Amino acid sequence: MTDPDARLARKGPAQPAVLAYAASVLTDNRHGLVVATAVGHATGTAEVEQAEQMLAGVTGEPAGRSGRRTVGADKLYDQQGFVGAVRELAFTPHVARNDHATHPSAIAAALAGEPGYNESQRRRKLVEEGFGWGKVVGLLRKLRHRGVGRVDWVFAFTMGIYNLVRMRTLIRVGVCA
């Protein structure tokens, strides 16, 4: 109630509106590491806008990799504008098809049948692990800071610590050396 930057938002149709920020992360779908973070005002379009900004900030090929770059996302991102922006940034959109919407899906049925698309849809859920860790361990459930700038800093710091914990786990199981 004391944060002038927080906006009323709701997580679902039957949920109450609470003061919140829109926080987004861009993760690597091989290991679940956070690549970029963004925090802003909670608006109806904040998640899609933040995703476009984060993707625009990712340039070049990762070390030791070649081939096409893909973006896995849920049904919220199945919009002509987002899919077009992703393609302009030289990514292949592996966005979940929203077949129940009043508008046609922006993802072709042929793309949705590819093995890489199905793998991206399976791995895109890794993004939720960072949010879960941040709420339980990283003190993001109830923020103690006010203002977009400070909340952005705390969120980025928490996701950085999550990466360190995640890398420790990946090294233990022998995925990363």
N, C-alpha and C. Protein backbone atom coordinates (compact mmCIF):
# COMPACT_ATOMS: atom_id res chain seq x y z
N MET A 1 0.81 -1.20 0.00
CA MET A 1 0.00 0.00 0.00
C MET A 1 0.85 1.26 0.00
N THR A 2 2.09 1.15 0.41
CA THR A 2 2.94 2.33 0.49
C THR A 2 3.82 2.49 -0.74
N ASP A 3 3.69 1.61 -1.72
CA ASP A 3 4.54 1.67 -2.91
C ASP A 3 3.79 2.36 -4.05
N PRO A 4 4.20 3.55 -4.42
CA PRO A 4 3.48 4.27 -5.48
C PRO A 4 3.68 3.66 -6.87
N ASP A 5 4.72 2.83 -7.06
CA ASP A 5 4.98 2.24 -8.37
C ASP A 5 4.22 0.93 -8.61
N ALA A 6 3.76 0.28 -7.55
CA ALA A 6 3.03 -0.98 -7.69
C ALA A 6 1.66 -0.72 -8.30
N ARG A 7 1.17 -1.68 -9.07
CA ARG A 7 -0.14 -1.57 -9.73
C ARG A 7 -1.01 -2.76 -9.33
N LEU A 8 -2.31 -2.55 -9.35
CA LEU A 8 -3.24 -3.65 -9.08
C LEU A 8 -3.21 -4.63 -10.23
N ALA A 9 -3.02 -5.89 -9.91
CA ALA A 9 -2.99 -6.94 -10.93
C ALA A 9 -3.57 -8.20 -10.32
N ARG A 10 -4.03 -9.08 -11.20
CA ARG A 10 -4.55 -10.35 -10.71
C ARG A 10 -3.95 -11.48 -11.53
N LYS A 11 -3.73 -12.61 -10.87
CA LYS A 11 -3.07 -13.75 -11.49
C LYS A 11 -4.03 -14.57 -12.34
N GLY A 12 -5.31 -14.48 -12.07
CA GLY A 12 -6.29 -15.27 -12.82
C GLY A 12 -7.66 -14.65 -12.69
N PRO A 13 -8.63 -15.17 -13.46
CA PRO A 13 -9.97 -14.57 -13.45
C PRO A 13 -10.68 -14.64 -12.10
N ALA A 14 -10.44 -15.66 -11.30
CA ALA A 14 -11.13 -15.80 -10.02
C ALA A 14 -10.30 -15.28 -8.86
N GLN A 15 -9.16 -14.67 -9.13
CA GLN A 15 -8.25 -14.22 -8.08
C GLN A 15 -8.49 -12.74 -7.77
N PRO A 16 -8.21 -12.33 -6.53
CA PRO A 16 -8.36 -10.91 -6.19
C PRO A 16 -7.20 -10.10 -6.77
N ALA A 17 -7.43 -8.83 -6.99
CA ALA A 17 -6.38 -7.93 -7.47
C ALA A 17 -5.53 -7.51 -6.28
N VAL A 18 -4.21 -7.59 -6.45
CA VAL A 18 -3.27 -7.19 -5.41
C VAL A 18 -2.22 -6.27 -6.01
N LEU A 19 -1.58 -5.47 -5.18
CA LEU A 19 -0.51 -4.61 -5.66
C LEU A 19 0.68 -5.47 -6.07
N ALA A 20 1.20 -5.23 -7.28
CA ALA A 20 2.26 -6.09 -7.80
C ALA A 20 3.08 -5.37 -8.85
N TYR A 21 4.17 -6.02 -9.21
CA TYR A 21 5.02 -5.62 -10.33
C TYR A 21 4.97 -6.74 -11.36
N ALA A 22 5.35 -6.44 -12.58
CA ALA A 22 5.50 -7.46 -13.60
C ALA A 22 6.99 -7.80 -13.68
N ALA A 23 7.34 -9.01 -13.28
CA ALA A 23 8.72 -9.47 -13.32
C ALA A 23 8.83 -10.60 -14.32
N SER A 24 9.80 -10.52 -15.20
CA SER A 24 9.99 -11.53 -16.24
C SER A 24 11.44 -11.98 -16.28
N VAL A 25 11.64 -13.23 -16.70
CA VAL A 25 13.00 -13.74 -16.87
C VAL A 25 13.10 -14.42 -18.24
N LEU A 26 14.29 -14.39 -18.77
CA LEU A 26 14.63 -15.12 -19.99
C LEU A 26 15.62 -16.19 -19.55
N THR A 27 15.30 -17.46 -19.81
CA THR A 27 16.16 -18.54 -19.36
C THR A 27 16.70 -19.34 -20.54
N ASP A 28 17.83 -19.97 -20.29
CA ASP A 28 18.42 -20.92 -21.22
C ASP A 28 17.63 -22.22 -21.07
N ASN A 29 17.16 -22.78 -22.17
CA ASN A 29 16.31 -23.96 -22.03
C ASN A 29 17.11 -25.27 -21.96
N ARG A 30 18.43 -25.18 -21.98
CA ARG A 30 19.23 -26.39 -21.80
C ARG A 30 19.45 -26.69 -20.32
N HIS A 31 19.74 -25.66 -19.54
CA HIS A 31 20.08 -25.87 -18.14
C HIS A 31 19.19 -25.11 -17.17
N GLY A 32 18.33 -24.23 -17.65
CA GLY A 32 17.44 -23.49 -16.77
C GLY A 32 18.08 -22.30 -16.11
N LEU A 33 19.21 -21.82 -16.64
CA LEU A 33 19.89 -20.66 -16.07
C LEU A 33 19.23 -19.37 -16.57
N VAL A 34 19.12 -18.39 -15.70
CA VAL A 34 18.52 -17.10 -16.06
C VAL A 34 19.53 -16.29 -16.86
N VAL A 35 19.10 -15.82 -18.03
CA VAL A 35 19.95 -15.04 -18.92
C VAL A 35 19.69 -13.55 -18.77
N ALA A 36 18.44 -13.17 -18.57
CA ALA A 36 18.07 -11.75 -18.44
C ALA A 36 16.84 -11.64 -17.54
N THR A 37 16.72 -10.48 -16.89
CA THR A 37 15.56 -10.20 -16.05
C THR A 37 14.99 -8.83 -16.40
N ALA A 38 13.73 -8.64 -16.09
CA ALA A 38 13.09 -7.34 -16.29
C ALA A 38 11.97 -7.18 -15.27
N VAL A 39 11.86 -5.99 -14.71
CA VAL A 39 10.77 -5.66 -13.78
C VAL A 39 10.17 -4.35 -14.24
N GLY A 40 8.86 -4.28 -14.23
CA GLY A 40 8.18 -3.06 -14.62
C GLY A 40 6.80 -2.99 -14.00
N HIS A 41 6.04 -2.01 -14.44
CA HIS A 41 4.67 -1.86 -13.95
C HIS A 41 3.81 -3.00 -14.46
N ALA A 42 2.90 -3.47 -13.63
CA ALA A 42 1.99 -4.54 -14.01
C ALA A 42 0.89 -3.97 -14.90
N THR A 43 1.01 -4.21 -16.19
CA THR A 43 -0.02 -3.84 -17.15
C THR A 43 -0.46 -5.11 -17.86
N GLY A 44 -1.47 -5.03 -18.64
CA GLY A 44 -1.94 -6.21 -19.36
C GLY A 44 -0.97 -6.72 -20.41
N THR A 45 -0.05 -5.89 -20.84
CA THR A 45 0.88 -6.27 -21.91
C THR A 45 2.33 -6.30 -21.47
N ALA A 46 2.59 -6.15 -20.18
CA ALA A 46 3.97 -6.02 -19.69
C ALA A 46 4.82 -7.25 -19.98
N GLU A 47 4.28 -8.45 -19.82
CA GLU A 47 5.08 -9.66 -20.01
C GLU A 47 5.58 -9.76 -21.45
N VAL A 48 4.71 -9.51 -22.40
CA VAL A 48 5.09 -9.61 -23.81
C VAL A 48 6.10 -8.53 -24.16
N GLU A 49 5.89 -7.31 -23.70
CA GLU A 49 6.82 -6.22 -23.98
C GLU A 49 8.19 -6.49 -23.36
N GLN A 50 8.21 -7.00 -22.13
CA GLN A 50 9.47 -7.30 -21.48
C GLN A 50 10.20 -8.43 -22.20
N ALA A 51 9.47 -9.42 -22.69
CA ALA A 51 10.10 -10.52 -23.42
C ALA A 51 10.76 -10.01 -24.69
N GLU A 52 10.10 -9.12 -25.41
CA GLU A 52 10.68 -8.56 -26.63
C GLU A 52 11.95 -7.78 -26.31
N GLN A 53 11.93 -6.99 -25.24
CA GLN A 53 13.11 -6.22 -24.85
C GLN A 53 14.27 -7.11 -24.45
N MET A 54 13.98 -8.16 -23.69
CA MET A 54 15.05 -9.05 -23.27
C MET A 54 15.65 -9.80 -24.46
N LEU A 55 14.80 -10.24 -25.38
CA LEU A 55 15.30 -10.94 -26.56
C LEU A 55 16.15 -10.01 -27.43
N ALA A 56 15.75 -8.75 -27.51
CA ALA A 56 16.53 -7.79 -28.30
C ALA A 56 17.91 -7.57 -27.68
N GLY A 57 18.03 -7.75 -26.37
CA GLY A 57 19.31 -7.58 -25.70
C GLY A 57 20.24 -8.78 -25.83
N VAL A 58 19.71 -9.92 -26.27
CA VAL A 58 20.52 -11.12 -26.43
C VAL A 58 21.04 -11.13 -27.86
N THR A 59 22.35 -10.98 -28.01
CA THR A 59 22.94 -10.94 -29.35
C THR A 59 24.00 -12.02 -29.48
N GLY A 60 24.23 -12.43 -30.70
CA GLY A 60 25.28 -13.40 -30.98
C GLY A 60 24.90 -14.81 -30.59
N GLU A 61 25.72 -15.74 -30.99
CA GLU A 61 25.53 -17.15 -30.69
C GLU A 61 26.22 -17.49 -29.37
N PRO A 62 25.64 -18.37 -28.59
CA PRO A 62 26.32 -18.82 -27.38
C PRO A 62 27.63 -19.54 -27.74
N ALA A 63 28.60 -19.49 -26.84
CA ALA A 63 29.89 -20.12 -27.09
C ALA A 63 29.71 -21.61 -27.33
N GLY A 64 30.32 -22.11 -28.38
CA GLY A 64 30.28 -23.53 -28.67
C GLY A 64 29.00 -24.01 -29.33
N ARG A 65 28.14 -23.11 -29.72
CA ARG A 65 26.88 -23.51 -30.34
C ARG A 65 26.70 -22.84 -31.68
N SER A 66 26.05 -23.53 -32.55
CA SER A 66 25.66 -22.93 -33.83
C SER A 66 24.26 -23.44 -34.15
N GLY A 67 23.68 -22.93 -35.18
CA GLY A 67 22.32 -23.34 -35.53
C GLY A 67 21.32 -22.27 -35.18
N ARG A 68 20.06 -22.62 -35.29
CA ARG A 68 19.04 -21.61 -35.04
C ARG A 68 18.75 -21.45 -33.56
N ARG A 69 18.33 -20.25 -33.21
CA ARG A 69 17.97 -19.94 -31.84
C ARG A 69 16.45 -19.98 -31.75
N THR A 70 15.96 -20.56 -30.67
CA THR A 70 14.52 -20.70 -30.50
C THR A 70 14.07 -20.01 -29.22
N VAL A 71 12.78 -19.69 -29.18
CA VAL A 71 12.16 -19.09 -28.00
C VAL A 71 10.93 -19.92 -27.66
N GLY A 72 10.94 -20.54 -26.49
CA GLY A 72 9.77 -21.27 -26.02
C GLY A 72 8.96 -20.37 -25.10
N ALA A 73 7.66 -20.39 -25.28
CA ALA A 73 6.79 -19.55 -24.45
C ALA A 73 5.39 -20.16 -24.37
N ASP A 74 4.59 -19.67 -23.43
CA ASP A 74 3.25 -20.21 -23.26
C ASP A 74 2.24 -19.51 -24.17
N LYS A 75 0.97 -19.84 -24.00
CA LYS A 75 -0.09 -19.36 -24.90
C LYS A 75 -0.28 -17.86 -24.88
N LEU A 76 0.09 -17.21 -23.80
CA LEU A 76 -0.04 -15.75 -23.73
C LEU A 76 0.71 -15.06 -24.86
N TYR A 77 1.82 -15.66 -25.28
CA TYR A 77 2.69 -15.05 -26.28
C TYR A 77 2.28 -15.41 -27.72
N ASP A 78 1.21 -16.17 -27.90
CA ASP A 78 0.74 -16.53 -29.24
C ASP A 78 -0.05 -15.35 -29.82
N GLN A 79 0.71 -14.32 -30.19
CA GLN A 79 0.15 -13.10 -30.77
C GLN A 79 0.97 -12.75 -32.00
N GLN A 80 0.31 -12.23 -33.01
CA GLN A 80 1.00 -11.89 -34.26
C GLN A 80 2.16 -10.93 -34.01
N GLY A 81 1.96 -9.92 -33.18
CA GLY A 81 2.99 -8.93 -32.92
C GLY A 81 4.23 -9.54 -32.27
N PHE A 82 4.04 -10.38 -31.26
CA PHE A 82 5.19 -10.99 -30.58
C PHE A 82 5.90 -11.97 -31.49
N VAL A 83 5.16 -12.82 -32.16
CA VAL A 83 5.77 -13.81 -33.05
C VAL A 83 6.54 -13.11 -34.17
N GLY A 84 5.98 -12.03 -34.71
CA GLY A 84 6.68 -11.26 -35.74
C GLY A 84 7.96 -10.63 -35.21
N ALA A 85 7.90 -10.08 -34.01
CA ALA A 85 9.09 -9.47 -33.41
C ALA A 85 10.17 -10.50 -33.15
N VAL A 86 9.78 -11.69 -32.72
CA VAL A 86 10.74 -12.77 -32.47
C VAL A 86 11.43 -13.16 -33.77
N ARG A 87 10.66 -13.26 -34.83
CA ARG A 87 11.25 -13.63 -36.13
C ARG A 87 12.18 -12.53 -36.63
N GLU A 88 11.84 -11.27 -36.42
CA GLU A 88 12.71 -10.16 -36.83
C GLU A 88 14.03 -10.19 -36.08
N LEU A 89 14.02 -10.71 -34.86
CA LEU A 89 15.24 -10.80 -34.07
C LEU A 89 16.03 -12.08 -34.38
N ALA A 90 15.64 -12.81 -35.41
CA ALA A 90 16.31 -14.03 -35.88
C ALA A 90 16.18 -15.19 -34.90
N PHE A 91 15.05 -15.28 -34.22
CA PHE A 91 14.73 -16.42 -33.37
C PHE A 91 13.58 -17.17 -34.03
N THR A 92 13.49 -18.46 -33.76
CA THR A 92 12.35 -19.25 -34.20
C THR A 92 11.38 -19.32 -33.03
N PRO A 93 10.14 -18.86 -33.21
CA PRO A 93 9.18 -18.86 -32.09
C PRO A 93 8.60 -20.25 -31.85
N HIS A 94 8.90 -20.83 -30.71
CA HIS A 94 8.29 -22.09 -30.29
C HIS A 94 7.28 -21.76 -29.20
N VAL A 95 6.26 -21.04 -29.59
CA VAL A 95 5.22 -20.57 -28.67
C VAL A 95 4.07 -21.56 -28.69
N ALA A 96 3.51 -21.87 -27.52
CA ALA A 96 2.37 -22.78 -27.44
C ALA A 96 1.20 -22.20 -28.24
N ARG A 97 0.62 -23.03 -29.07
CA ARG A 97 -0.51 -22.58 -29.90
C ARG A 97 -1.74 -22.34 -29.03
N ASN A 98 -2.39 -21.20 -29.24
CA ASN A 98 -3.61 -20.86 -28.54
C ASN A 98 -4.78 -21.15 -29.47
N ASP A 99 -5.16 -22.41 -29.53
CA ASP A 99 -6.21 -22.84 -30.46
C ASP A 99 -7.61 -22.48 -30.00
N HIS A 100 -7.78 -22.07 -28.76
CA HIS A 100 -9.10 -21.74 -28.24
C HIS A 100 -9.40 -20.25 -28.31
N ALA A 101 -8.51 -19.50 -28.85
CA ALA A 101 -8.70 -18.05 -28.93
C ALA A 101 -9.67 -17.71 -30.07
N THR A 102 -10.16 -16.51 -30.05
CA THR A 102 -11.06 -16.06 -31.10
C THR A 102 -10.31 -15.71 -32.38
N HIS A 103 -8.99 -15.54 -32.26
CA HIS A 103 -8.17 -15.24 -33.43
C HIS A 103 -7.33 -16.48 -33.76
N PRO A 104 -6.91 -16.64 -35.01
CA PRO A 104 -6.10 -17.81 -35.35
C PRO A 104 -4.71 -17.73 -34.71
N SER A 105 -4.14 -18.89 -34.48
CA SER A 105 -2.81 -18.95 -33.88
C SER A 105 -1.77 -18.36 -34.82
N ALA A 106 -0.77 -17.69 -34.25
CA ALA A 106 0.32 -17.11 -35.04
C ALA A 106 1.38 -18.16 -35.37
N ILE A 107 1.27 -19.34 -34.79
CA ILE A 107 2.23 -20.42 -35.01
C ILE A 107 1.61 -21.43 -35.98
N ALA A 108 2.33 -21.71 -37.05
CA ALA A 108 1.83 -22.65 -38.06
C ALA A 108 1.76 -24.05 -37.48
N ALA A 109 0.77 -24.80 -37.91
CA ALA A 109 0.60 -26.17 -37.43
C ALA A 109 1.80 -27.03 -37.82
N ALA A 110 2.42 -26.74 -38.96
CA ALA A 110 3.60 -27.51 -39.39
C ALA A 110 4.75 -27.34 -38.42
N LEU A 111 4.97 -26.12 -37.93
CA LEU A 111 6.04 -25.87 -36.96
C LEU A 111 5.75 -26.59 -35.65
N ALA A 112 4.48 -26.62 -35.26
CA ALA A 112 4.11 -27.25 -33.99
C ALA A 112 4.33 -28.76 -34.01
N GLY A 113 4.46 -29.35 -35.19
CA GLY A 113 4.69 -30.79 -35.28
C GLY A 113 6.15 -31.18 -35.28
N GLU A 114 7.06 -30.22 -35.30
CA GLU A 114 8.50 -30.53 -35.34
C GLU A 114 8.99 -31.03 -33.98
N PRO A 115 9.98 -31.94 -33.98
CA PRO A 115 10.51 -32.44 -32.71
C PRO A 115 11.13 -31.34 -31.83
N GLY A 116 11.80 -30.37 -32.44
CA GLY A 116 12.40 -29.28 -31.67
C GLY A 116 11.36 -28.44 -30.96
N TYR A 117 10.22 -28.25 -31.60
CA TYR A 117 9.12 -27.49 -31.00
C TYR A 117 8.63 -28.20 -29.75
N ASN A 118 8.42 -29.50 -29.86
CA ASN A 118 7.93 -30.27 -28.71
C ASN A 118 8.93 -30.25 -27.56
N GLU A 119 10.23 -30.31 -27.87
CA GLU A 119 11.26 -30.24 -26.84
C GLU A 119 11.26 -28.87 -26.16
N SER A 120 11.10 -27.80 -26.95
CA SER A 120 11.04 -26.46 -26.38
C SER A 120 9.84 -26.30 -25.46
N GLN A 121 8.71 -26.87 -25.83
CA GLN A 121 7.52 -26.79 -24.99
C GLN A 121 7.71 -27.55 -23.69
N ARG A 122 8.43 -28.65 -23.75
CA ARG A 122 8.69 -29.41 -22.53
C ARG A 122 9.65 -28.66 -21.60
N ARG A 123 10.66 -28.05 -22.17
CA ARG A 123 11.70 -27.39 -21.36
C ARG A 123 11.33 -25.97 -20.93
N ARG A 124 10.33 -25.36 -21.53
CA ARG A 124 10.01 -23.98 -21.18
C ARG A 124 9.53 -23.86 -19.74
N LYS A 125 9.15 -24.96 -19.16
CA LYS A 125 8.68 -24.94 -17.78
C LYS A 125 9.82 -24.74 -16.78
N LEU A 126 11.07 -24.83 -17.25
CA LEU A 126 12.23 -24.58 -16.37
C LEU A 126 12.20 -23.16 -15.81
N VAL A 127 11.54 -22.24 -16.51
CA VAL A 127 11.48 -20.85 -16.06
C VAL A 127 10.77 -20.75 -14.71
N GLU A 128 9.84 -21.64 -14.45
CA GLU A 128 9.08 -21.58 -13.21
C GLU A 128 9.92 -21.95 -12.00
N GLU A 129 10.98 -22.74 -12.20
CA GLU A 129 11.82 -23.14 -11.07
C GLU A 129 12.50 -21.93 -10.43
N GLY A 130 12.95 -20.99 -11.25
CA GLY A 130 13.58 -19.79 -10.72
C GLY A 130 12.61 -18.94 -9.90
N PHE A 131 11.39 -18.81 -10.40
CA PHE A 131 10.39 -18.04 -9.65
C PHE A 131 10.06 -18.74 -8.33
N GLY A 132 9.90 -20.05 -8.37
CA GLY A 132 9.60 -20.80 -7.15
C GLY A 132 10.71 -20.66 -6.12
N TRP A 133 11.97 -20.80 -6.57
CA TRP A 133 13.11 -20.66 -5.66
C TRP A 133 13.15 -19.24 -5.10
N GLY A 134 12.89 -18.25 -5.96
CA GLY A 134 12.92 -16.86 -5.52
C GLY A 134 11.88 -16.55 -4.47
N LYS A 135 10.73 -17.19 -4.54
CA LYS A 135 9.68 -16.94 -3.56
C LYS A 135 9.93 -17.67 -2.25
N VAL A 136 10.44 -18.90 -2.33
CA VAL A 136 10.64 -19.69 -1.12
C VAL A 136 11.93 -19.32 -0.42
N VAL A 137 13.04 -19.26 -1.15
CA VAL A 137 14.35 -19.04 -0.56
C VAL A 137 14.81 -17.59 -0.73
N GLY A 138 14.55 -17.00 -1.89
CA GLY A 138 15.10 -15.70 -2.23
C GLY A 138 14.34 -14.49 -1.73
N LEU A 139 13.38 -14.66 -0.87
CA LEU A 139 12.65 -13.57 -0.22
C LEU A 139 11.87 -12.69 -1.20
N LEU A 140 11.41 -13.24 -2.31
CA LEU A 140 10.61 -12.45 -3.25
C LEU A 140 9.11 -12.53 -2.97
N ARG A 141 8.70 -13.41 -2.08
CA ARG A 141 7.26 -13.53 -1.81
C ARG A 141 6.70 -12.23 -1.25
N LYS A 142 7.44 -11.62 -0.33
CA LYS A 142 7.01 -10.34 0.23
C LYS A 142 8.20 -9.39 0.16
N LEU A 143 8.18 -8.50 -0.82
CA LEU A 143 9.29 -7.58 -1.03
C LEU A 143 9.39 -6.57 0.09
N ARG A 144 10.61 -6.22 0.39
CA ARG A 144 10.87 -5.23 1.44
C ARG A 144 11.40 -3.93 0.85
N HIS A 145 11.32 -3.81 -0.44
CA HIS A 145 11.82 -2.61 -1.13
C HIS A 145 10.68 -1.98 -1.92
N ARG A 146 10.77 -0.70 -2.15
CA ARG A 146 9.74 0.04 -2.86
C ARG A 146 10.35 0.73 -4.07
N GLY A 147 9.58 0.82 -5.15
CA GLY A 147 10.03 1.48 -6.36
C GLY A 147 10.53 0.47 -7.39
N VAL A 148 10.27 0.76 -8.65
CA VAL A 148 10.65 -0.15 -9.73
C VAL A 148 12.15 -0.40 -9.75
N GLY A 149 12.96 0.63 -9.57
CA GLY A 149 14.41 0.48 -9.62
C GLY A 149 14.95 -0.47 -8.57
N ARG A 150 14.49 -0.32 -7.35
CA ARG A 150 14.97 -1.19 -6.27
C ARG A 150 14.45 -2.61 -6.41
N VAL A 151 13.18 -2.73 -6.79
CA VAL A 151 12.62 -4.07 -6.98
C VAL A 151 13.34 -4.77 -8.14
N ASP A 152 13.64 -4.04 -9.19
CA ASP A 152 14.39 -4.61 -10.32
C ASP A 152 15.75 -5.11 -9.86
N TRP A 153 16.44 -4.31 -9.03
CA TRP A 153 17.75 -4.71 -8.53
C TRP A 153 17.65 -5.96 -7.67
N VAL A 154 16.70 -6.01 -6.74
CA VAL A 154 16.53 -7.16 -5.86
C VAL A 154 16.18 -8.40 -6.67
N PHE A 155 15.32 -8.25 -7.66
CA PHE A 155 14.92 -9.39 -8.50
C PHE A 155 16.11 -9.92 -9.29
N ALA A 156 16.88 -9.03 -9.92
CA ALA A 156 18.05 -9.46 -10.69
C ALA A 156 19.08 -10.12 -9.78
N PHE A 157 19.30 -9.57 -8.60
CA PHE A 157 20.25 -10.14 -7.64
C PHE A 157 19.80 -11.54 -7.21
N THR A 158 18.51 -11.68 -6.92
CA THR A 158 17.97 -12.98 -6.50
C THR A 158 18.12 -14.01 -7.61
N MET A 159 17.85 -13.62 -8.83
CA MET A 159 17.99 -14.56 -9.95
C MET A 159 19.46 -14.90 -10.20
N GLY A 160 20.37 -13.97 -9.92
CA GLY A 160 21.80 -14.26 -10.02
C GLY A 160 22.22 -15.30 -8.99
N ILE A 161 21.72 -15.18 -7.77
CA ILE A 161 22.01 -16.17 -6.73
C ILE A 161 21.39 -17.51 -7.11
N TYR A 162 20.19 -17.48 -7.68
CA TYR A 162 19.57 -18.73 -8.15
C TYR A 162 20.47 -19.41 -9.17
N ASN A 163 21.06 -18.63 -10.09
CA ASN A 163 21.97 -19.21 -11.07
C ASN A 163 23.15 -19.90 -10.40
N LEU A 164 23.71 -19.28 -9.37
CA LEU A 164 24.83 -19.90 -8.66
C LEU A 164 24.42 -21.23 -8.03
N VAL A 165 23.25 -21.25 -7.41
CA VAL A 165 22.75 -22.48 -6.80
C VAL A 165 22.48 -23.52 -7.89
N ARG A 166 21.90 -23.10 -8.99
CA ARG A 166 21.60 -24.01 -10.09
C ARG A 166 22.89 -24.58 -10.70
N MET A 167 23.90 -23.74 -10.89
CA MET A 167 25.17 -24.21 -11.44
C MET A 167 25.84 -25.21 -10.50
N ARG A 168 25.76 -24.97 -9.20
CA ARG A 168 26.31 -25.93 -8.24
C ARG A 168 25.65 -27.29 -8.41
N THR A 169 24.34 -27.29 -8.58
CA THR A 169 23.61 -28.54 -8.77
C THR A 169 23.99 -29.19 -10.10
N LEU A 170 24.10 -28.41 -11.16
CA LEU A 170 24.46 -28.96 -12.46
C LEU A 170 25.87 -29.55 -12.45
N ILE A 171 26.79 -28.90 -11.75
CA ILE A 171 28.16 -29.43 -11.65
C ILE A 171 28.18 -30.73 -10.87
N ARG A 172 27.40 -30.80 -9.80
CA ARG A 172 27.34 -32.03 -9.00
C ARG A 172 26.87 -33.23 -9.80
N VAL A 173 25.88 -33.03 -10.67
CA VAL A 173 25.35 -34.14 -11.45
C VAL A 173 26.13 -34.36 -12.73
N GLY A 174 27.12 -33.51 -12.98
CA GLY A 174 28.00 -33.71 -14.13
C GLY A 174 27.51 -33.16 -15.44
N VAL A 175 26.53 -32.27 -15.42
CA VAL A 175 26.01 -31.67 -16.65
C VAL A 175 26.95 -30.60 -17.16
N CYS A 176 27.47 -29.77 -16.25
CA CYS A 176 28.40 -28.69 -16.62
C CYS A 176 29.76 -29.00 -16.01
N ALA A 177 30.79 -28.59 -16.71
CA ALA A 177 32.14 -28.80 -16.16
C ALA A 177 32.81 -27.48 -15.94
